[in-house]
């Protein structure tokens, strides 16, 4: 049985440092042993925005919700 892996992405606008927030990570169980996966996400955010991106939170739960990863976009 195949499962669909859909990442939930959203952005938070800010004049200084906009953020891209990714939820429902399809490889969250591998992220600790394969940091290259998170680096790949940072690269993709950078490629899509045209600005450097830095991961500042990894699988963090905010307000008891599902874990999210947060990337700052350096404008």
PDB file of N, CA and C in Angstrom:
ATOM      1  N   UNK A   1       0.843  -1.182   0.000  1.00  0.00           N
ATOM      2  CA  UNK A   1       0.000   0.000   0.000  1.00  0.00           C
ATOM      3  C   UNK A   1       0.887   1.244   0.000  1.00  0.00           C
ATOM      4  N   UNK A   2       0.655   2.094  -0.945  1.00  0.00           N
ATOM      5  CA  UNK A   2       1.425   3.331  -1.036  1.00  0.00           C
ATOM      6  C   UNK A   2       0.748   4.438  -0.247  1.00  0.00           C
ATOM      7  N   UNK A   3       1.559   5.215   0.428  1.00  0.00           N
ATOM      8  CA  UNK A   3       1.058   6.372   1.167  1.00  0.00           C
ATOM      9  C   UNK A   3       1.471   7.633   0.423  1.00  0.00           C
ATOM     10  N   UNK A   4       0.615   8.623   0.432  1.00  0.00           N
ATOM     11  CA  UNK A   4       1.007   9.879  -0.198  1.00  0.00           C
ATOM     12  C   UNK A   4       1.752  10.719   0.827  1.00  0.00           C
ATOM     13  N   UNK A   5       2.843  11.308   0.380  1.00  0.00           N
ATOM     14  CA  UNK A   5       3.648  12.163   1.248  1.00  0.00           C
ATOM     15  C   UNK A   5       3.431  13.601   0.813  1.00  0.00           C
ATOM     16  N   UNK A   6       2.624  14.296   1.557  1.00  0.00           N
ATOM     17  CA  UNK A   6       2.363  15.700   1.239  1.00  0.00           C
ATOM     18  C   UNK A   6       2.863  16.559   2.379  1.00  0.00           C
ATOM     19  N   UNK A   7       3.758  17.419   2.046  1.00  0.00           N
ATOM     20  CA  UNK A   7       4.304  18.352   3.026  1.00  0.00           C
ATOM     21  C   UNK A   7       3.393  19.579   3.072  1.00  0.00           C
ATOM     22  N   UNK A   8       3.083  20.035   4.246  1.00  0.00           N
ATOM     23  CA  UNK A   8       2.291  21.266   4.378  1.00  0.00           C
ATOM     24  C   UNK A   8       3.249  22.432   4.543  1.00  0.00           C
ATOM     25  N   UNK A   9       3.212  23.326   3.594  1.00  0.00           N
ATOM     26  CA  UNK A   9       4.101  24.483   3.622  1.00  0.00           C
ATOM     27  C   UNK A   9       3.285  25.754   3.755  1.00  0.00           C
ATOM     28  N   UNK A  10       3.837  26.681   4.505  1.00  0.00           N
ATOM     29  CA  UNK A  10       3.232  28.009   4.586  1.00  0.00           C
ATOM     30  C   UNK A  10       4.353  29.014   4.824  1.00  0.00           C
ATOM     31  N   UNK A  11       4.016  30.256   4.629  1.00  0.00           N
ATOM     32  CA  UNK A  11       5.023  31.297   4.854  1.00  0.00           C
ATOM     33  C   UNK A  11       4.485  32.305   5.846  1.00  0.00           C
ATOM     34  N   UNK A  12       5.399  32.942   6.536  1.00  0.00           N
ATOM     35  CA  UNK A  12       5.055  34.049   7.421  1.00  0.00           C
ATOM     36  C   UNK A  12       5.849  35.246   6.937  1.00  0.00           C
ATOM     37  N   UNK A  13       5.151  36.256   6.493  1.00  0.00           N
ATOM     38  CA  UNK A  13       5.803  37.430   5.932  1.00  0.00           C
ATOM     39  C   UNK A  13       6.326  38.331   7.038  1.00  0.00           C
ATOM     40  N   UNK A  14       7.492  38.884   6.794  1.00  0.00           N
ATOM     41  CA  UNK A  14       8.119  39.848   7.695  1.00  0.00           C
ATOM     42  C   UNK A  14       9.106  40.636   6.859  1.00  0.00           C
ATOM     43  N   UNK A  15       9.211  41.906   7.118  1.00  0.00           N
ATOM     44  CA  UNK A  15      10.125  42.744   6.343  1.00  0.00           C
ATOM     45  C   UNK A  15      11.582  42.333   6.571  1.00  0.00           C
ATOM     46  N   UNK A  16      11.917  41.939   7.802  1.00  0.00           N
ATOM     47  CA  UNK A  16      13.306  41.586   8.105  1.00  0.00           C
ATOM     48  C   UNK A  16      13.636  40.150   7.714  1.00  0.00           C
ATOM     49  N   UNK A  17      12.863  39.199   8.187  1.00  0.00           N
ATOM     50  CA  UNK A  17      13.187  37.797   7.935  1.00  0.00           C
ATOM     51  C   UNK A  17      11.923  36.975   7.728  1.00  0.00           C
ATOM     52  N   UNK A  18      11.483  36.840   6.487  1.00  0.00           N
ATOM     53  CA  UNK A  18      10.334  35.968   6.243  1.00  0.00           C
ATOM     54  C   UNK A  18      10.703  34.522   6.584  1.00  0.00           C
ATOM     55  N   UNK A  19       9.694  33.757   6.961  1.00  0.00           N
ATOM     56  CA  UNK A  19       9.913  32.364   7.333  1.00  0.00           C
ATOM     57  C   UNK A  19       9.074  31.440   6.465  1.00  0.00           C
ATOM     58  N   UNK A  20       9.629  30.294   6.159  1.00  0.00           N
ATOM     59  CA  UNK A  20       8.901  29.225   5.497  1.00  0.00           C
ATOM     60  C   UNK A  20       8.770  28.103   6.514  1.00  0.00           C
ATOM     61  N   UNK A  21       7.550  27.640   6.706  1.00  0.00           N
ATOM     62  CA  UNK A  21       7.276  26.613   7.706  1.00  0.00           C
ATOM     63  C   UNK A  21       6.787  25.364   6.984  1.00  0.00           C
ATOM     64  N   UNK A  22       7.455  24.259   7.257  1.00  0.00           N
ATOM     65  CA  UNK A  22       7.107  22.982   6.639  1.00  0.00           C
ATOM     66  C   UNK A  22       6.581  22.036   7.710  1.00  0.00           C
ATOM     67  N   UNK A  23       5.438  21.466   7.464  1.00  0.00           N
ATOM     68  CA  UNK A  23       4.859  20.484   8.376  1.00  0.00           C
ATOM     69  C   UNK A  23       4.632  19.170   7.657  1.00  0.00           C
ATOM     70  N   UNK A  24       4.318  18.158   8.398  1.00  0.00           N
ATOM     71  CA  UNK A  24       4.072  16.818   7.857  1.00  0.00           C
ATOM     72  C   UNK A  24       5.254  16.321   7.039  1.00  0.00           C
ATOM     73  N   UNK A  25       6.414  16.381   7.630  1.00  0.00           N
ATOM     74  CA  UNK A  25       7.646  15.972   6.962  1.00  0.00           C
ATOM     75  C   UNK A  25       7.576  14.498   6.567  1.00  0.00           C
ATOM     76  N   UNK A  26       7.752  14.178   5.300  1.00  0.00           N
ATOM     77  CA  UNK A  26       7.655  12.789   4.863  1.00  0.00           C
ATOM     78  C   UNK A  26       8.831  11.926   5.317  1.00  0.00           C
ATOM     79  N   UNK A  27       9.919  12.558   5.760  1.00  0.00           N
ATOM     80  CA  UNK A  27      11.080  11.777   6.203  1.00  0.00           C
ATOM     81  C   UNK A  27      11.515  12.145   7.612  1.00  0.00           C
ATOM     82  N   UNK A  28      10.559  12.497   8.461  1.00  0.00           N
ATOM     83  CA  UNK A  28      10.908  12.927   9.818  1.00  0.00           C
ATOM     84  C   UNK A  28      11.614  11.840  10.625  1.00  0.00           C
ATOM     85  N   UNK A  29      11.326  10.595  10.358  1.00  0.00           N
ATOM     86  CA  UNK A  29      11.990   9.512  11.100  1.00  0.00           C
ATOM     87  C   UNK A  29      13.439   9.333  10.679  1.00  0.00           C
ATOM     88  N   UNK A  30      13.795   9.834   9.510  1.00  0.00           N
ATOM     89  CA  UNK A  30      15.165   9.719   9.014  1.00  0.00           C
ATOM     90  C   UNK A  30      15.994  10.974   9.236  1.00  0.00           C
ATOM     91  N   UNK A  31      15.351  12.079   9.546  1.00  0.00           N
ATOM     92  CA  UNK A  31      16.033  13.374   9.579  1.00  0.00           C
ATOM     93  C   UNK A  31      17.189  13.420  10.568  1.00  0.00           C
ATOM     94  N   UNK A  32      17.063  12.773  11.717  1.00  0.00           N
ATOM     95  CA  UNK A  32      18.150  12.809  12.692  1.00  0.00           C
ATOM     96  C   UNK A  32      19.386  12.064  12.207  1.00  0.00           C
ATOM     97  N   UNK A  33      19.181  10.956  11.527  1.00  0.00           N
ATOM     98  CA  UNK A  33      20.327  10.174  11.060  1.00  0.00           C
ATOM     99  C   UNK A  33      20.811  10.611   9.674  1.00  0.00           C
ATOM    100  N   UNK A  34      20.021  11.396   8.970  1.00  0.00           N
ATOM    101  CA  UNK A  34      20.389  11.887   7.625  1.00  0.00           C
ATOM    102  C   UNK A  34      20.152  13.390   7.545  1.00  0.00           C
ATOM    103  N   UNK A  35      21.036  14.193   8.139  1.00  0.00           N
ATOM    104  CA  UNK A  35      20.837  15.654   8.115  1.00  0.00           C
ATOM    105  C   UNK A  35      20.824  16.237   6.712  1.00  0.00           C
ATOM    106  N   UNK A  36      21.305  15.464   5.729  1.00  0.00           N
ATOM    107  CA  UNK A  36      21.294  15.937   4.343  1.00  0.00           C
ATOM    108  C   UNK A  36      19.875  16.194   3.850  1.00  0.00           C
ATOM    109  N   UNK A  37      18.900  15.487   4.410  1.00  0.00           N
ATOM    110  CA  UNK A  37      17.511  15.714   4.007  1.00  0.00           C
ATOM    111  C   UNK A  37      17.053  17.124   4.376  1.00  0.00           C
ATOM    112  N   UNK A  38      17.408  17.576   5.563  1.00  0.00           N
ATOM    113  CA  UNK A  38      17.046  18.932   5.986  1.00  0.00           C
ATOM    114  C   UNK A  38      17.829  19.968   5.176  1.00  0.00           C
ATOM    115  N   UNK A  39      19.083  19.651   4.861  1.00  0.00           N
ATOM    116  CA  UNK A  39      19.875  20.552   4.026  1.00  0.00           C
ATOM    117  C   UNK A  39      19.264  20.663   2.633  1.00  0.00           C
ATOM    118  N   UNK A  40      18.702  19.561   2.156  1.00  0.00           N
ATOM    119  CA  UNK A  40      18.036  19.577   0.854  1.00  0.00           C
ATOM    120  C   UNK A  40      16.816  20.505   0.901  1.00  0.00           C
ATOM    121  N   UNK A  41      16.046  20.450   1.994  1.00  0.00           N
ATOM    122  CA  UNK A  41      14.899  21.350   2.129  1.00  0.00           C
ATOM    123  C   UNK A  41      15.352  22.804   2.133  1.00  0.00           C
ATOM    124  N   UNK A  42      16.426  23.101   2.853  1.00  0.00           N
ATOM    125  CA  UNK A  42      16.946  24.478   2.874  1.00  0.00           C
ATOM    126  C   UNK A  42      17.360  24.901   1.470  1.00  0.00           C
ATOM    127  N   UNK A  43      17.995  24.000   0.735  1.00  0.00           N
ATOM    128  CA  UNK A  43      18.391  24.300  -0.640  1.00  0.00           C
ATOM    129  C   UNK A  43      17.170  24.576  -1.516  1.00  0.00           C
ATOM    130  N   UNK A  44      16.128  23.758  -1.369  1.00  0.00           N
ATOM    131  CA  UNK A  44      14.916  23.946  -2.174  1.00  0.00           C
ATOM    132  C   UNK A  44      14.217  25.264  -1.847  1.00  0.00           C
ATOM    133  N   UNK A  45      14.154  25.607  -0.558  1.00  0.00           N
ATOM    134  CA  UNK A  45      13.560  26.897  -0.174  1.00  0.00           C
ATOM    135  C   UNK A  45      14.372  28.032  -0.791  1.00  0.00           C
ATOM    136  N   UNK A  46      15.698  27.912  -0.740  1.00  0.00           N
ATOM    137  CA  UNK A  46      16.563  28.933  -1.349  1.00  0.00           C
ATOM    138  C   UNK A  46      16.335  29.034  -2.854  1.00  0.00           C
ATOM    139  N   UNK A  47      16.259  27.890  -3.507  1.00  0.00           N
ATOM    140  CA  UNK A  47      16.072  27.880  -4.962  1.00  0.00           C
ATOM    141  C   UNK A  47      14.722  28.478  -5.350  1.00  0.00           C
ATOM    142  N   UNK A  48      13.696  28.202  -4.577  1.00  0.00           N
ATOM    143  CA  UNK A  48      12.361  28.703  -4.896  1.00  0.00           C
ATOM    144  C   UNK A  48      12.196  30.190  -4.596  1.00  0.00           C
ATOM    145  N   UNK A  49      12.871  30.672  -3.566  1.00  0.00           N
ATOM    146  CA  UNK A  49      12.724  32.084  -3.197  1.00  0.00           C
ATOM    147  C   UNK A  49      13.772  32.977  -3.847  1.00  0.00           C
ATOM    148  N   UNK A  50      14.915  32.392  -4.206  1.00  0.00           N
ATOM    149  CA  UNK A  50      16.006  33.191  -4.757  1.00  0.00           C
ATOM    150  C   UNK A  50      16.866  33.831  -3.682  1.00  0.00           C
ATOM    151  N   UNK A  51      16.668  33.458  -2.431  1.00  0.00           N
ATOM    152  CA  UNK A  51      17.432  34.000  -1.305  1.00  0.00           C
ATOM    153  C   UNK A  51      17.942  32.855  -0.440  1.00  0.00           C
ATOM    154  N   UNK A  52      19.045  33.081   0.285  1.00  0.00           N
ATOM    155  CA  UNK A  52      19.551  32.029   1.171  1.00  0.00           C
ATOM    156  C   UNK A  52      18.533  31.696   2.263  1.00  0.00           C
ATOM    157  N   UNK A  53      18.442  30.417   2.583  1.00  0.00           N
ATOM    158  CA  UNK A  53      17.538  29.961   3.635  1.00  0.00           C
ATOM    159  C   UNK A  53      18.343  29.197   4.687  1.00  0.00           C
ATOM    160  N   UNK A  54      17.946  29.361   5.926  1.00  0.00           N
ATOM    161  CA  UNK A  54      18.616  28.699   7.037  1.00  0.00           C
ATOM    162  C   UNK A  54      17.572  28.033   7.923  1.00  0.00           C
ATOM    163  N   UNK A  55      17.774  26.766   8.224  1.00  0.00           N
ATOM    164  CA  UNK A  55      16.841  26.067   9.109  1.00  0.00           C
ATOM    165  C   UNK A  55      17.109  26.494  10.548  1.00  0.00           C
ATOM    166  N   UNK A  56      16.056  26.988  11.216  1.00  0.00           N
ATOM    167  CA  UNK A  56      16.202  27.456  12.593  1.00  0.00           C
ATOM    168  C   UNK A  56      15.413  26.616  13.594  1.00  0.00           C
ATOM    169  N   UNK A  57      14.556  25.737  13.119  1.00  0.00           N
ATOM    170  CA  UNK A  57      13.831  24.820  13.995  1.00  0.00           C
ATOM    171  C   UNK A  57      13.605  23.521  13.240  1.00  0.00           C
ATOM    172  N   UNK A  58      13.782  22.418  13.960  1.00  0.00           N
ATOM    173  CA  UNK A  58      13.662  21.098  13.334  1.00  0.00           C
ATOM    174  C   UNK A  58      12.709  20.246  14.158  1.00  0.00           C
ATOM    175  N   UNK A  59      11.612  19.845  13.530  1.00  0.00           N
ATOM    176  CA  UNK A  59      10.612  18.983  14.174  1.00  0.00           C
ATOM    177  C   UNK A  59      10.208  19.520  15.547  1.00  0.00           C
ATOM    178  N   UNK A  60       9.869  20.805  15.572  1.00  0.00           N
ATOM    179  CA  UNK A  60       9.449  21.486  16.789  1.00  0.00           C
ATOM    180  C   UNK A  60       7.932  21.537  16.844  1.00  0.00           C
ATOM    181  N   UNK A  61       7.389  21.211  17.991  1.00  0.00           N
ATOM    182  CA  UNK A  61       5.940  21.267  18.165  1.00  0.00           C
ATOM    183  C   UNK A  61       5.591  22.583  18.855  1.00  0.00           C
ATOM    184  N   UNK A  62       4.718  23.349  18.228  1.00  0.00           N
ATOM    185  CA  UNK A  62       4.306  24.639  18.791  1.00  0.00           C
ATOM    186  C   UNK A  62       2.850  24.540  19.215  1.00  0.00           C
ATOM    187  N   UNK A  63       2.599  24.805  20.459  1.00  0.00           N
ATOM    188  CA  UNK A  63       1.231  24.773  20.966  1.00  0.00           C
ATOM    189  C   UNK A  63       0.605  23.387  20.953  1.00  0.00           C
ATOM    190  N   UNK A  64       1.433  22.351  21.079  1.00  0.00           N
ATOM    191  CA  UNK A  64       0.911  20.992  21.098  1.00  0.00           C
ATOM    192  C   UNK A  64       0.501  20.457  19.744  1.00  0.00           C
ATOM    193  N   UNK A  65       0.799  21.206  18.680  1.00  0.00           N
ATOM    194  CA  UNK A  65       0.433  20.767  17.340  1.00  0.00           C
ATOM    195  C   UNK A  65       1.437  19.788  16.763  1.00  0.00           C
ATOM    196  N   UNK A  66       1.260  19.471  15.503  1.00  0.00           N
ATOM    197  CA  UNK A  66       2.182  18.574  14.814  1.00  0.00           C
ATOM    198  C   UNK A  66       3.551  19.228  14.676  1.00  0.00           C
ATOM    199  N   UNK A  67       4.611  18.437  14.626  1.00  0.00           N
ATOM    200  CA  UNK A  67       5.960  18.998  14.493  1.00  0.00           C
ATOM    201  C   UNK A  67       6.134  19.749  13.162  1.00  0.00           C
ATOM    202  N   UNK A  68       6.896  20.824  13.229  1.00  0.00           N
ATOM    203  CA  UNK A  68       7.175  21.632  12.044  1.00  0.00           C
ATOM    204  C   UNK A  68       8.677  21.920  11.969  1.00  0.00           C
ATOM    205  N   UNK A  69       9.131  22.268  10.788  1.00  0.00           N
ATOM    206  CA  UNK A  69      10.485  22.768  10.573  1.00  0.00           C
ATOM    207  C   UNK A  69      10.356  24.202  10.072  1.00  0.00           C
ATOM    208  N   UNK A  70      11.242  25.056  10.550  1.00  0.00           N
ATOM    209  CA  UNK A  70      11.175  26.479  10.210  1.00  0.00           C
ATOM    210  C   UNK A  70      12.474  26.900   9.535  1.00  0.00           C
ATOM    211  N   UNK A  71      12.324  27.603   8.415  1.00  0.00           N
ATOM    212  CA  UNK A  71      13.461  28.122   7.670  1.00  0.00           C
ATOM    213  C   UNK A  71      13.346  29.638   7.578  1.00  0.00           C
ATOM    214  N   UNK A  72      14.406  30.345   7.946  1.00  0.00           N
ATOM    215  CA  UNK A  72      14.465  31.796   7.757  1.00  0.00           C
ATOM    216  C   UNK A  72      14.980  32.056   6.359  1.00  0.00           C
ATOM    217  N   UNK A  73      14.366  32.997   5.679  1.00  0.00           N
ATOM    218  CA  UNK A  73      14.799  33.394   4.336  1.00  0.00           C
ATOM    219  C   UNK A  73      15.510  34.726   4.493  1.00  0.00           C
ATOM    220  N   UNK A  74      16.795  34.736   4.193  1.00  0.00           N
ATOM    221  CA  UNK A  74      17.630  35.951   4.355  1.00  0.00           C
ATOM    222  C   UNK A  74      17.469  36.841   3.124  1.00  0.00           C
ATOM    223  N   UNK A  75      16.651  37.850   3.268  1.00  0.00           N
ATOM    224  CA  UNK A  75      16.377  38.770   2.157  1.00  0.00           C
ATOM    225  C   UNK A  75      17.391  39.892   2.137  1.00  0.00           C
TER     226      UNK A  75
END
